[in-house]
Amino acid sequence: QVQLVESGGGLVQPGGSLRLSCAASGMIFSLHTMGWYRQALGKERELVATFSSGGSTNYRDSVKGRFTISRDNAKNTVYLQMNSLKSEDTAVYYCNAHHDVLRHDYWGQGTQVTVSS
């Protein structure tokens, strides 16, 4: 049974930083593209960043230069370092695992990030 467990969300002031973690189990981590998505209240879920099984990364334009995605295949964990946070980054952040061959998708339960003074 695949499980993705996010942690690291919380309340932070504008300009602050947070690091999200997503620990995966029940799957072959190295065969999956790992990603972070977010959903703000009343809006659709959107891609934030991905880290492919081949080592390439992709970011939405609004977070480039502020967010960094990384992964540790030995720990089955993907991270999202978020710096210079803005109020518009407030959302529930979800971890995603996408099997690159079978094209299965798995989701975590989400972690709330609130940027407010």
C-alpha atoms as a PDB file:
ATOM      1  CA  GLN A   1       0.000   0.000   0.000  1.00  0.00           C
ATOM      2  CA  VAL A   2       1.482   3.297  -1.105  1.00  0.00           C
ATOM      3  CA  GLN A   3       1.638   6.064   1.472  1.00  0.00           C
ATOM      4  CA  LEU A   4       2.844   9.628   1.079  1.00  0.00           C
ATOM      5  CA  VAL A   5       3.091  11.557   4.330  1.00  0.00           C
ATOM      6  CA  GLU A   6       3.745  15.287   4.196  1.00  0.00           C
ATOM      7  CA  SER A   7       5.089  17.386   7.035  1.00  0.00           C
ATOM      8  CA  GLY A   8       6.566  20.818   7.609  1.00  0.00           C
ATOM      9  CA  GLY A   9       3.633  23.102   6.911  1.00  0.00           C
ATOM     10  CA  GLY A  10       2.603  25.922   9.197  1.00  0.00           C
ATOM     11  CA  LEU A  11       2.188  29.646   9.643  1.00  0.00           C
ATOM     12  CA  VAL A  12       5.011  31.921   8.505  1.00  0.00           C
ATOM     13  CA  GLN A  13       5.381  35.647   7.964  1.00  0.00           C
ATOM     14  CA  PRO A  14       5.894  37.097   4.496  1.00  0.00           C
ATOM     15  CA  GLY A  15       9.530  36.766   3.509  1.00  0.00           C
ATOM     16  CA  GLY A  16       9.993  33.734   5.708  1.00  0.00           C
ATOM     17  CA  SER A  17      10.931  30.150   4.875  1.00  0.00           C
ATOM     18  CA  LEU A  18       9.531  26.673   5.323  1.00  0.00           C
ATOM     19  CA  ARG A  19      10.703  23.243   4.264  1.00  0.00           C
ATOM     20  CA  LEU A  20       8.143  20.611   3.394  1.00  0.00           C
ATOM     21  CA  SER A  21       8.949  16.917   3.483  1.00  0.00           C
ATOM     22  CA  CYS A  22       7.143  13.974   1.960  1.00  0.00           C
ATOM     23  CA  ALA A  23       8.057  10.484   3.073  1.00  0.00           C
ATOM     24  CA  ALA A  24       7.001   7.695   0.718  1.00  0.00           C
ATOM     25  CA  SER A  25       6.479   4.022   1.464  1.00  0.00           C
ATOM     26  CA  GLY A  26       5.078   0.995  -0.318  1.00  0.00           C
ATOM     27  CA  MET A  27       6.513   1.905  -3.699  1.00  0.00           C
ATOM     28  CA  ILE A  28       9.775   1.919  -5.648  1.00  0.00           C
ATOM     29  CA  PHE A  29      10.637   5.533  -5.012  1.00  0.00           C
ATOM     30  CA  SER A  30      13.343   5.820  -7.662  1.00  0.00           C
ATOM     31  CA  LEU A  31      10.909   4.942 -10.467  1.00  0.00           C
ATOM     32  CA  HIS A  32       8.615   7.846  -9.718  1.00  0.00           C
ATOM     33  CA  THR A  33       8.604  11.484 -10.630  1.00  0.00           C
ATOM     34  CA  MET A  34       7.935  13.265  -7.370  1.00  0.00           C
ATOM     35  CA  GLY A  35       6.080  16.526  -7.280  1.00  0.00           C
ATOM     36  CA  TRP A  36       4.524  19.166  -5.124  1.00  0.00           C
ATOM     37  CA  TYR A  37       1.160  20.681  -5.954  1.00  0.00           C
ATOM     38  CA  ARG A  38      -0.897  23.246  -4.098  1.00  0.00           C
ATOM     39  CA  GLN A  39      -4.507  24.267  -3.843  1.00  0.00           C
ATOM     40  CA  ALA A  40      -5.597  27.607  -2.481  1.00  0.00           C
ATOM     41  CA  LEU A  41      -9.084  28.112  -1.122  1.00  0.00           C
ATOM     42  CA  GLY A  42     -11.548  28.359  -3.980  1.00  0.00           C
ATOM     43  CA  LYS A  43      -8.949  27.613  -6.642  1.00  0.00           C
ATOM     44  CA  GLU A  44      -7.879  24.599  -8.638  1.00  0.00           C
ATOM     45  CA  ARG A  45      -4.912  22.472  -7.702  1.00  0.00           C
ATOM     46  CA  GLU A  46      -1.758  23.618  -9.480  1.00  0.00           C
ATOM     47  CA  LEU A  47       1.695  22.250 -10.085  1.00  0.00           C
ATOM     48  CA  VAL A  48       4.447  23.793  -7.986  1.00  0.00           C
ATOM     49  CA  ALA A  49       7.516  21.709  -8.794  1.00  0.00           C
ATOM     50  CA  THR A  50       8.557  18.256  -9.962  1.00  0.00           C
ATOM     51  CA  PHE A  51      11.705  16.169  -9.731  1.00  0.00           C
ATOM     52  CA  SER A  52      11.832  13.382 -12.263  1.00  0.00           C
ATOM     53  CA  SER A  53      13.296   9.934 -11.774  1.00  0.00           C
ATOM     54  CA  GLY A  54      15.943  10.970 -14.291  1.00  0.00           C
ATOM     55  CA  GLY A  55      17.035  13.956 -12.241  1.00  0.00           C
ATOM     56  CA  SER A  56      15.396  16.892 -13.993  1.00  0.00           C
ATOM     57  CA  THR A  57      13.392  19.538 -12.182  1.00  0.00           C
ATOM     58  CA  ASN A  58      10.535  21.765 -13.228  1.00  0.00           C
ATOM     59  CA  TYR A  59       8.956  24.759 -11.496  1.00  0.00           C
ATOM     60  CA  ARG A  60       5.971  26.976 -12.053  1.00  0.00           C
ATOM     61  CA  ASP A  61       7.101  30.456 -12.994  1.00  0.00           C
ATOM     62  CA  SER A  62       5.837  32.160  -9.853  1.00  0.00           C
ATOM     63  CA  VAL A  63       8.104  30.116  -7.555  1.00  0.00           C
ATOM     64  CA  LYS A  64      11.275  30.029  -9.664  1.00  0.00           C
ATOM     65  CA  GLY A  65      14.212  31.379  -7.695  1.00  0.00           C
ATOM     66  CA  ARG A  66      12.342  31.047  -4.397  1.00  0.00           C
ATOM     67  CA  PHE A  67      11.481  27.335  -4.115  1.00  0.00           C
ATOM     68  CA  THR A  68      13.781  24.352  -4.492  1.00  0.00           C
ATOM     69  CA  ILE A  69      12.673  20.761  -4.852  1.00  0.00           C
ATOM     70  CA  SER A  70      15.037  17.959  -3.921  1.00  0.00           C
ATOM     71  CA  ARG A  71      14.823  14.242  -3.319  1.00  0.00           C
ATOM     72  CA  ASP A  72      16.739  11.647  -1.340  1.00  0.00           C
ATOM     73  CA  ASN A  73      16.223   8.242  -2.922  1.00  0.00           C
ATOM     74  CA  ALA A  74      17.951   6.516  -0.006  1.00  0.00           C
ATOM     75  CA  LYS A  75      15.366   7.964   2.378  1.00  0.00           C
ATOM     76  CA  ASN A  76      12.394   7.771  -0.014  1.00  0.00           C
ATOM     77  CA  THR A  77      11.765  11.425   0.678  1.00  0.00           C
ATOM     78  CA  VAL A  78      11.142  14.523  -1.392  1.00  0.00           C
ATOM     79  CA  TYR A  79      11.540  18.034  -0.060  1.00  0.00           C
ATOM     80  CA  LEU A  80      10.366  21.496  -0.990  1.00  0.00           C
ATOM     81  CA  GLN A  81      12.429  24.358   0.377  1.00  0.00           C
ATOM     82  CA  MET A  82      10.366  27.531   0.205  1.00  0.00           C
ATOM     83  CA  ASN A  83      12.063  30.889   0.695  1.00  0.00           C
ATOM     84  CA  SER A  84      10.852  34.472   0.378  1.00  0.00           C
ATOM     85  CA  LEU A  85       7.309  33.311   0.945  1.00  0.00           C
ATOM     86  CA  LYS A  86       4.447  35.525  -0.154  1.00  0.00           C
ATOM     87  CA  SER A  87       0.815  35.659   0.891  1.00  0.00           C
ATOM     88  CA  GLU A  88      -0.139  34.198  -2.487  1.00  0.00           C
ATOM     89  CA  ASP A  89       1.792  31.034  -1.593  1.00  0.00           C
ATOM     90  CA  THR A  90      -0.857  30.263   1.026  1.00  0.00           C
ATOM     91  CA  ALA A  91      -2.428  26.920   0.150  1.00  0.00           C
ATOM     92  CA  VAL A  92      -2.644  23.276   1.027  1.00  0.00           C
ATOM     93  CA  TYR A  93       0.455  21.614  -0.411  1.00  0.00           C
ATOM     94  CA  TYR A  94       0.190  18.071  -1.703  1.00  0.00           C
ATOM     95  CA  CYS A  95       2.899  15.559  -2.469  1.00  0.00           C
ATOM     96  CA  ASN A  96       2.482  13.532  -5.661  1.00  0.00           C
ATOM     97  CA  ALA A  97       4.210  10.407  -6.925  1.00  0.00           C
ATOM     98  CA  HIS A  98       3.880   9.603 -10.632  1.00  0.00           C
ATOM     99  CA  HIS A  99       5.156   6.249 -11.918  1.00  0.00           C
ATOM    100  CA  ASP A 100       7.024   7.107 -15.088  1.00  0.00           C
ATOM    101  CA  VAL A 101       6.172   3.851 -16.914  1.00  0.00           C
ATOM    102  CA  LEU A 102       2.843   2.684 -15.478  1.00  0.00           C
ATOM    103  CA  ARG A 103       1.639   6.285 -15.137  1.00  0.00           C
ATOM    104  CA  HIS A 104      -0.012   5.687 -11.761  1.00  0.00           C
ATOM    105  CA  ASP A 105      -0.483   8.678  -9.499  1.00  0.00           C
ATOM    106  CA  TYR A 106      -0.479   8.742  -5.721  1.00  0.00           C
ATOM    107  CA  TRP A 107      -1.252  11.678  -3.436  1.00  0.00           C
ATOM    108  CA  GLY A 108      -0.510  12.633   0.114  1.00  0.00           C
ATOM    109  CA  GLN A 109      -3.090  14.057   2.485  1.00  0.00           C
ATOM    110  CA  GLY A 110      -1.785  17.619   2.199  1.00  0.00           C
ATOM    111  CA  THR A 111      -0.195  20.082   4.574  1.00  0.00           C
ATOM    112  CA  GLN A 112      -1.365  23.647   5.129  1.00  0.00           C
ATOM    113  CA  VAL A 113       1.000  26.533   4.458  1.00  0.00           C
ATOM    114  CA  THR A 114      -0.204  29.948   5.568  1.00  0.00           C
ATOM    115  CA  VAL A 115       1.812  33.083   4.840  1.00  0.00           C
ATOM    116  CA  SER A 116       0.514  35.978   6.875  1.00  0.00           C
ATOM    117  CA  SER A 117       1.687  38.745   9.153  1.00  0.00           C
END
